[in-house]
Amino acid sequence: MSFRIRPATMADLQPMYEMAKLTGGGFTNLPPDKSALTAKLERTAAAFADPESAEEDRLFVLMLENAATGDIRGTCQIFTRVGVRWPFYSYRLGTISKRSEELNRTFKAETLNLVSDLEGSSEVGGLFLHPHERAGGLGLLLARSRYLFIRAHRHIFADRILAELRGVIDDAGGSPFWDGVAGKFFGMNFQEADQFNALHGNQFIADLMPKHPVYTAMLTEAARSVIGMPHPTGRAAMRMLENEGFNYENYIDIFDGGPTMTARTDQVRSIRDARTDVVVGIAEEGERALVSTGSWQAFRSTFARLVPVEGGVTINPDGADTLGVAVGDSIDWIAG
C-alpha cells in the first residue's frame, strides 16, 4: 500500500479545505472555512513544535497521503483534552420514575440532561476520507492510525477517550434533533449553529440553553427518532469504534443528537494489543498489519505485511518504502 498517514503541515490547507467542502454539513471538526482550518493547522504546528509543552488541550491533525503522488485523500484529528478552553457539553439520556398510589401505576419518563461529564477526556474526531477512496481499507488506516499515535505519546493523553459521531441530517441539510430541541431557544437554524460552533466553540449553548431536563415525550417524533442515531455514512465508523472497544453510554451530541462513543484509553484494542519490534529483514511475504514508526513530526503509519521472527519482524519492501524504515529501525504494529 502506497498510502500513509503523516502529520499535517500548513501546506495541507487547500486540500483540507477541498475535503471540508465535501462533508455535507454537520461536521464540526472539519468546517469549510479557511480561517478555521488555518487555526487548526496552526495549533497542530505548535503542538508538534514543542513536544514537552505543558498545554493540556493540544490538537494533532493527521493526513492520508498517497506516498507515490503526494496527493492528500483524507484527514483525521486527535485532541489531547476536551473542555479546557470552554466547557464540553453533551446531552445524557436519563430516566425519571414517578409513582401514583391512587392510580397504582409507575410512570417512567426519558429525559435529556445537559452535562459536562466528559470534560478532560481525549477525543478522536475529524475523520474524513475522500469519496473516491472509500475502498481498500483506507478508512481503517485513518481511524486506527490515531490509536498508534496515542500509544506512542501516551503520557499526554487522558485515561478516557471519546468519539462523536455525526447525527442524522435531512436532505435539506437540517437536523431534526436541532429543530426539535435547541433550535427553539436560539433563533438560528442548524447550519448556522453548526458553523458558529465550528468557528467559536459552544459556550453560547451554556449561555442560552435551559438547564432543566428536556422530556423526550414532548419532542416531535422526528426529533425523538434520531436520538443516538448516527448519520447513515457514519454507521461503518460506529462499527469500527465498537470493534476497538468503544461503547455508547447514552451521551449524545447537543446539536444533531448523534451518539458519543467512549472507552478507557488503555483498553482500546489498537492501543492495548499493539507491539513494538525491531525490523530485522525485508521480505515480500507476511500478513497484513497496521504499522507505525517515528514520533511527533516524524510519525508515519501504513498497512504493511509483517512476519514475526526471532529478534523482531520482517516487513515487505513496499511497506518499508512507504514508512521510510530499514533494518534496525523500531516499529509499532498490530495485526489486521
Protein backbone atom coordinates (compact mmCIF):
# COMPACT_ATOMS: atom_id res chain seq x y z
CA MET A 1 0.00 0.00 0.00
CA SER A 2 1.43 3.36 -1.04
CA PHE A 3 -0.86 5.35 1.25
CA ARG A 4 0.43 6.57 4.58
CA ILE A 5 -0.61 8.73 7.49
CA ARG A 6 1.61 11.68 8.39
CA PRO A 7 1.33 14.88 10.45
CA ALA A 8 -0.39 17.81 8.75
CA THR A 9 1.52 20.94 7.76
CA MET A 10 0.39 24.41 6.73
CA ALA A 11 0.83 23.29 3.10
CA ASP A 12 -2.18 21.00 3.58
CA LEU A 13 -4.64 23.89 3.94
CA GLN A 14 -6.01 23.82 0.39
CA PRO A 15 -6.57 20.04 0.13
CA MET A 16 -8.07 20.08 3.63
CA TYR A 17 -10.42 22.87 2.58
CA GLU A 18 -11.43 20.99 -0.58
CA MET A 19 -12.30 17.93 1.52
CA ALA A 20 -14.23 20.05 4.03
CA LYS A 21 -16.48 21.26 1.21
CA LEU A 22 -17.44 17.63 0.52
CA THR A 23 -18.62 16.77 4.05
CA GLY A 24 -22.23 17.83 3.53
CA GLY A 25 -22.58 19.72 6.82
CA GLY A 26 -22.78 18.72 10.45
CA PHE A 27 -19.04 18.06 10.55
CA THR A 28 -17.92 20.43 13.28
CA ASN A 29 -14.26 19.43 13.32
CA LEU A 30 -13.87 19.97 9.58
CA PRO A 31 -15.73 23.18 8.65
CA PRO A 32 -15.47 24.50 5.09
CA ASP A 33 -13.89 27.71 6.36
CA LYS A 34 -10.27 28.52 5.57
CA SER A 35 -9.71 30.68 8.65
CA ALA A 36 -10.98 27.91 10.96
CA LEU A 37 -8.88 25.28 9.18
CA THR A 38 -5.84 27.57 9.30
CA ALA A 39 -6.29 27.87 13.06
CA LYS A 40 -6.38 24.07 13.36
CA LEU A 41 -3.19 23.70 11.35
CA GLU A 42 -1.50 26.41 13.40
CA ARG A 43 -2.47 24.60 16.62
CA THR A 44 -1.09 21.39 15.15
CA ALA A 45 2.18 23.06 14.17
CA ALA A 46 2.55 24.44 17.69
CA ALA A 47 1.79 21.03 19.24
CA PHE A 48 4.40 19.27 17.13
CA ALA A 49 6.99 22.03 17.58
CA ASP A 50 7.01 21.75 21.38
CA PRO A 51 6.64 18.08 22.42
CA GLU A 52 7.32 18.89 26.08
CA SER A 53 4.65 21.59 26.26
CA ALA A 54 2.52 21.62 29.39
CA GLU A 55 -0.51 22.75 27.38
CA GLU A 56 -3.35 20.31 28.01
CA ASP A 57 -5.63 20.84 25.03
CA ARG A 58 -3.34 20.08 22.13
CA LEU A 59 -4.65 19.23 18.67
CA PHE A 60 -2.93 16.92 16.22
CA VAL A 61 -4.18 16.83 12.63
CA LEU A 62 -3.04 13.88 10.53
CA MET A 63 -3.28 13.50 6.75
CA LEU A 64 -3.76 10.49 4.47
CA GLU A 65 -1.22 10.85 1.69
CA ASN A 66 -0.54 8.87 -1.45
CA ALA A 67 3.18 8.36 -0.95
CA ALA A 68 3.73 7.88 -4.69
CA THR A 69 1.99 11.07 -5.85
CA GLY A 70 1.79 13.27 -2.75
CA ASP A 71 -1.98 13.63 -3.18
CA ILE A 72 -3.99 14.15 0.04
CA ARG A 73 -7.01 11.86 0.22
CA GLY A 74 -8.17 12.05 3.83
CA THR A 75 -7.65 13.56 7.26
CA CYS A 76 -8.31 12.90 10.95
CA GLN A 77 -7.76 14.68 14.27
CA ILE A 78 -6.76 13.87 17.84
CA PHE A 79 -7.46 16.15 20.82
CA THR A 80 -5.45 15.55 23.98
CA ARG A 81 -8.14 17.06 26.28
CA VAL A 82 -11.62 18.45 25.64
CA GLY A 83 -13.30 21.04 27.84
CA VAL A 84 -10.15 23.00 28.67
CA ARG A 85 -10.73 26.21 26.70
CA TRP A 86 -14.51 26.11 27.01
CA PRO A 87 -16.97 23.61 28.52
CA PHE A 88 -17.58 20.40 26.62
CA TYR A 89 -21.33 19.80 26.66
CA SER A 90 -23.30 16.65 25.91
CA TYR A 91 -26.84 15.53 26.47
CA ARG A 92 -27.14 12.44 28.61
CA LEU A 93 -30.24 10.31 28.29
CA GLY A 94 -31.76 9.57 31.67
CA THR A 95 -34.98 8.30 33.21
CA ILE A 96 -37.21 9.84 35.85
CA SER A 97 -39.63 7.47 37.62
CA LYS A 98 -42.77 8.65 39.40
CA ARG A 99 -45.32 6.59 41.32
CA SER A 100 -49.03 7.28 41.73
CA GLU A 101 -50.61 5.21 44.50
CA GLU A 102 -54.09 6.39 43.55
CA LEU A 103 -53.65 5.05 40.01
CA ASN A 104 -51.46 2.16 41.14
CA ARG A 105 -49.06 2.96 38.33
CA THR A 106 -45.41 3.88 37.95
CA PHE A 107 -44.55 6.33 35.18
CA LYS A 108 -41.09 6.45 33.61
CA ALA A 109 -40.10 9.48 31.57
CA GLU A 110 -36.98 9.68 29.39
CA THR A 111 -35.08 12.94 29.74
CA LEU A 112 -32.21 14.78 28.12
CA ASN A 113 -29.85 16.34 30.65
CA LEU A 114 -27.25 18.94 29.67
CA VAL A 115 -23.95 17.74 31.22
CA SER A 116 -20.21 18.23 31.01
CA ASP A 117 -19.38 14.71 32.28
CA LEU A 118 -16.86 14.06 29.50
CA GLU A 119 -14.66 17.09 30.14
CA GLY A 120 -11.00 16.17 30.36
CA SER A 121 -11.31 13.20 28.01
CA SER A 122 -9.20 12.80 24.91
CA GLU A 123 -11.05 12.78 21.60
CA VAL A 124 -10.59 11.21 18.20
CA GLY A 125 -12.53 13.05 15.52
CA GLY A 126 -12.46 14.97 12.28
CA LEU A 127 -12.10 11.81 10.20
CA PHE A 128 -12.88 12.30 6.53
CA LEU A 129 -11.97 10.09 3.60
CA HIS A 130 -12.31 11.37 0.05
CA PRO A 131 -15.38 9.75 -1.60
CA HIS A 132 -13.21 8.37 -4.42
CA GLU A 133 -11.07 6.42 -1.94
CA ARG A 134 -13.77 4.69 0.11
CA ALA A 135 -12.49 1.20 -0.65
CA GLY A 136 -9.43 -0.82 0.15
CA GLY A 137 -9.33 -0.22 3.90
CA LEU A 138 -8.20 3.41 3.86
CA GLY A 139 -10.91 4.36 6.35
CA LEU A 140 -9.47 1.79 8.75
CA LEU A 141 -6.00 3.19 8.16
CA LEU A 142 -7.16 6.70 9.05
CA ALA A 143 -9.13 5.58 12.10
CA ARG A 144 -6.68 3.13 13.63
CA SER A 145 -3.51 5.12 12.99
CA ARG A 146 -4.76 7.60 15.57
CA TYR A 147 -4.52 4.92 18.25
CA LEU A 148 -0.92 4.09 17.39
CA PHE A 149 -0.14 7.81 17.61
CA ILE A 150 -1.77 7.92 21.05
CA ARG A 151 0.16 4.80 22.10
CA ALA A 152 3.45 6.38 21.01
CA HIS A 153 2.70 9.53 23.05
CA ARG A 154 0.55 8.02 25.77
CA HIS A 155 1.69 10.38 28.54
CA ILE A 156 -0.09 13.41 27.06
CA PHE A 157 -3.48 11.72 26.65
CA ALA A 158 -6.27 11.15 29.17
CA ASP A 159 -7.41 7.83 30.62
CA ARG A 160 -10.76 8.14 28.85
CA ILE A 161 -11.27 8.74 25.15
CA LEU A 162 -14.37 9.70 23.19
CA ALA A 163 -15.56 9.91 19.62
CA GLU A 164 -18.58 11.93 18.49
CA LEU A 165 -20.45 10.53 15.51
CA ARG A 166 -22.38 12.86 13.24
CA GLY A 167 -26.13 12.56 13.72
CA VAL A 168 -28.91 12.32 11.18
CA ILE A 169 -29.07 15.21 8.71
CA ASP A 170 -32.07 15.56 6.38
CA ASP A 171 -31.95 16.10 2.63
CA ALA A 172 -32.10 19.87 3.09
CA GLY A 173 -29.04 19.87 5.36
CA GLY A 174 -31.04 20.38 8.54
CA SER A 175 -31.12 18.39 11.76
CA PRO A 176 -34.44 17.01 13.06
CA PHE A 177 -32.92 16.88 16.54
CA TRP A 178 -31.80 20.52 16.48
CA ASP A 179 -35.18 21.62 15.17
CA GLY A 180 -36.95 19.72 17.94
CA VAL A 181 -34.78 20.81 20.86
CA ALA A 182 -32.15 23.54 20.78
CA GLY A 183 -33.43 25.37 17.73
CA LYS A 184 -36.42 26.56 19.75
CA PHE A 185 -34.13 28.58 22.04
CA PHE A 186 -31.51 30.01 19.70
CA GLY A 187 -33.28 31.69 16.80
CA MET A 188 -30.95 30.08 14.25
CA ASN A 189 -31.16 27.03 12.06
CA PHE A 190 -28.88 24.02 12.34
CA GLN A 191 -26.44 25.10 9.64
CA GLU A 192 -25.98 28.50 11.29
CA ALA A 193 -25.49 27.00 14.77
CA ASP A 194 -23.14 24.31 13.47
CA GLN A 195 -20.99 26.88 11.67
CA PHE A 196 -20.93 29.17 14.69
CA ASN A 197 -19.85 26.27 16.91
CA ALA A 198 -17.10 25.27 14.48
CA LEU A 199 -15.70 28.80 14.48
CA HIS A 200 -16.32 29.99 18.04
CA GLY A 201 -16.99 26.97 20.28
CA ASN A 202 -20.18 26.06 22.09
CA GLN A 203 -20.14 28.47 25.03
CA PHE A 204 -23.29 30.02 23.54
CA ILE A 205 -25.05 26.77 24.43
CA ALA A 206 -24.29 27.38 28.11
CA ASP A 207 -25.42 30.98 27.79
CA LEU A 208 -28.80 30.28 26.20
CA MET A 209 -29.82 26.66 26.73
CA PRO A 210 -32.22 25.93 29.62
CA LYS A 211 -30.51 23.88 32.32
CA HIS A 212 -33.53 21.82 33.33
CA PRO A 213 -34.12 18.35 31.83
CA VAL A 214 -35.91 18.06 28.50
CA TYR A 215 -38.62 15.39 28.43
CA THR A 216 -38.30 13.46 25.17
CA ALA A 217 -42.04 12.75 25.15
CA MET A 218 -42.58 16.44 24.45
CA LEU A 219 -40.41 16.38 21.33
CA THR A 220 -41.63 15.74 17.83
CA GLU A 221 -41.48 12.18 16.54
CA ALA A 222 -38.87 13.30 14.01
CA ALA A 223 -36.59 14.54 16.82
CA ARG A 224 -37.15 11.50 19.07
CA SER A 225 -36.46 9.03 16.26
CA VAL A 226 -32.88 10.26 15.66
CA ILE A 227 -31.67 10.44 19.26
CA GLY A 228 -28.45 8.44 19.50
CA MET A 229 -28.57 7.50 15.80
CA PRO A 230 -25.51 8.01 13.58
CA HIS A 231 -25.68 9.55 10.14
CA PRO A 232 -26.06 6.76 7.53
CA THR A 233 -22.50 7.43 6.34
CA GLY A 234 -21.26 7.02 9.93
CA ARG A 235 -22.56 3.51 10.58
CA ALA A 236 -19.31 1.89 9.42
CA ALA A 237 -17.38 4.29 11.67
CA MET A 238 -19.58 3.25 14.61
CA ARG A 239 -18.81 -0.42 13.92
CA MET A 240 -15.08 0.36 13.77
CA LEU A 241 -15.30 2.12 17.13
CA GLU A 242 -17.18 -0.80 18.64
CA ASN A 243 -14.52 -3.18 17.32
CA GLU A 244 -11.92 -1.08 19.12
CA GLY A 245 -13.81 -1.32 22.41
CA PHE A 246 -15.84 1.91 22.38
CA ASN A 247 -19.37 1.88 23.77
CA TYR A 248 -22.42 4.09 23.52
CA GLU A 249 -23.32 5.10 27.09
CA ASN A 250 -26.29 7.40 26.46
CA TYR A 251 -24.28 10.53 25.68
CA ILE A 252 -25.36 12.39 22.55
CA ASP A 253 -24.30 15.47 20.66
CA ILE A 254 -26.14 18.65 21.66
CA PHE A 255 -26.53 19.78 18.03
CA ASP A 256 -27.62 16.81 15.97
CA GLY A 257 -28.31 14.08 18.57
CA GLY A 258 -25.63 11.74 17.20
CA PRO A 259 -24.08 9.18 19.58
CA THR A 260 -20.92 9.87 21.56
CA MET A 261 -18.83 6.71 21.98
CA THR A 262 -16.43 6.32 24.90
CA ALA A 263 -13.69 3.92 26.02
CA ARG A 264 -10.91 3.59 28.54
CA THR A 265 -7.82 4.63 26.60
CA ASP A 266 -5.64 1.69 27.65
CA GLN A 267 -8.41 -0.74 26.69
CA VAL A 268 -8.73 0.44 23.08
CA ARG A 269 -7.72 -2.65 21.11
CA SER A 270 -5.20 -0.98 18.81
CA ILE A 271 -3.51 0.59 21.84
CA ARG A 272 -3.73 -2.39 24.20
CA ASP A 273 -2.70 -5.11 21.74
CA ALA A 274 -0.07 -3.31 19.67
CA ARG A 275 3.56 -4.45 19.87
CA THR A 276 6.91 -2.75 19.47
CA ASP A 277 9.55 -4.65 17.46
CA VAL A 278 12.74 -4.12 15.51
CA VAL A 279 12.85 -4.61 11.74
CA VAL A 280 15.33 -7.44 11.16
CA GLY A 281 14.71 -8.04 7.46
CA ILE A 282 12.89 -7.02 4.28
CA ALA A 283 10.79 -9.78 2.70
CA GLU A 284 7.76 -9.96 0.41
CA GLU A 285 5.76 -12.47 2.41
CA GLY A 286 3.75 -11.72 5.53
CA GLU A 287 0.32 -10.99 6.99
CA ARG A 288 -1.26 -7.54 6.81
CA ALA A 289 -0.62 -5.34 9.83
CA LEU A 290 -1.09 -1.71 10.78
CA VAL A 291 2.42 -0.35 11.27
CA SER A 292 3.77 2.98 12.53
CA THR A 293 7.18 4.44 13.14
CA GLY A 294 8.64 7.65 14.49
CA SER A 295 7.26 10.14 16.98
CA TRP A 296 5.86 13.66 16.80
CA GLN A 297 6.58 15.20 13.37
CA ALA A 298 8.34 12.02 12.22
CA PHE A 299 5.25 9.85 12.81
CA ARG A 300 4.20 7.71 9.86
CA SER A 301 1.68 4.87 9.60
CA THR A 302 0.55 2.45 6.89
CA PHE A 303 -0.63 -1.07 6.23
CA ALA A 304 2.25 -3.44 5.51
CA ARG A 305 2.99 -7.17 5.53
CA LEU A 306 4.95 -8.45 8.52
CA VAL A 307 6.39 -11.78 9.70
CA PRO A 308 7.35 -12.10 13.39
CA VAL A 309 10.74 -13.81 13.58
CA GLU A 310 13.40 -14.27 16.22
CA GLY A 311 14.64 -10.88 17.33
CA GLY A 312 11.92 -8.84 15.61
CA VAL A 313 9.90 -8.77 12.38
CA THR A 314 10.40 -8.68 8.64
CA ILE A 315 8.47 -6.11 6.57
CA ASN A 316 7.61 -6.12 2.90
CA PRO A 317 9.55 -3.72 0.61
CA ASP A 318 6.56 -1.50 -0.26
CA GLY A 319 5.69 -1.07 3.42
CA ALA A 320 9.30 -0.26 4.28
CA ASP A 321 9.49 2.33 1.48
CA THR A 322 6.18 3.94 2.42
CA LEU A 323 7.28 4.30 6.05
CA GLY A 324 10.93 5.04 5.31
CA VAL A 325 12.19 2.27 7.60
CA ALA A 326 15.17 -0.03 7.23
CA VAL A 327 16.70 -2.95 9.06
CA GLY A 328 17.42 -1.93 12.65
CA ASP A 329 14.55 0.55 12.94
CA SER A 330 11.84 0.20 15.58
CA ILE A 331 8.16 -0.04 14.63
CA ASP A 332 4.84 -0.35 16.42
CA TRP A 333 2.34 -2.74 14.88
CA ILE A 334 -0.89 -4.65 15.31
CA ALA A 335 -2.26 -7.42 13.14
CA GLY A 336 -5.06 -6.69 10.73
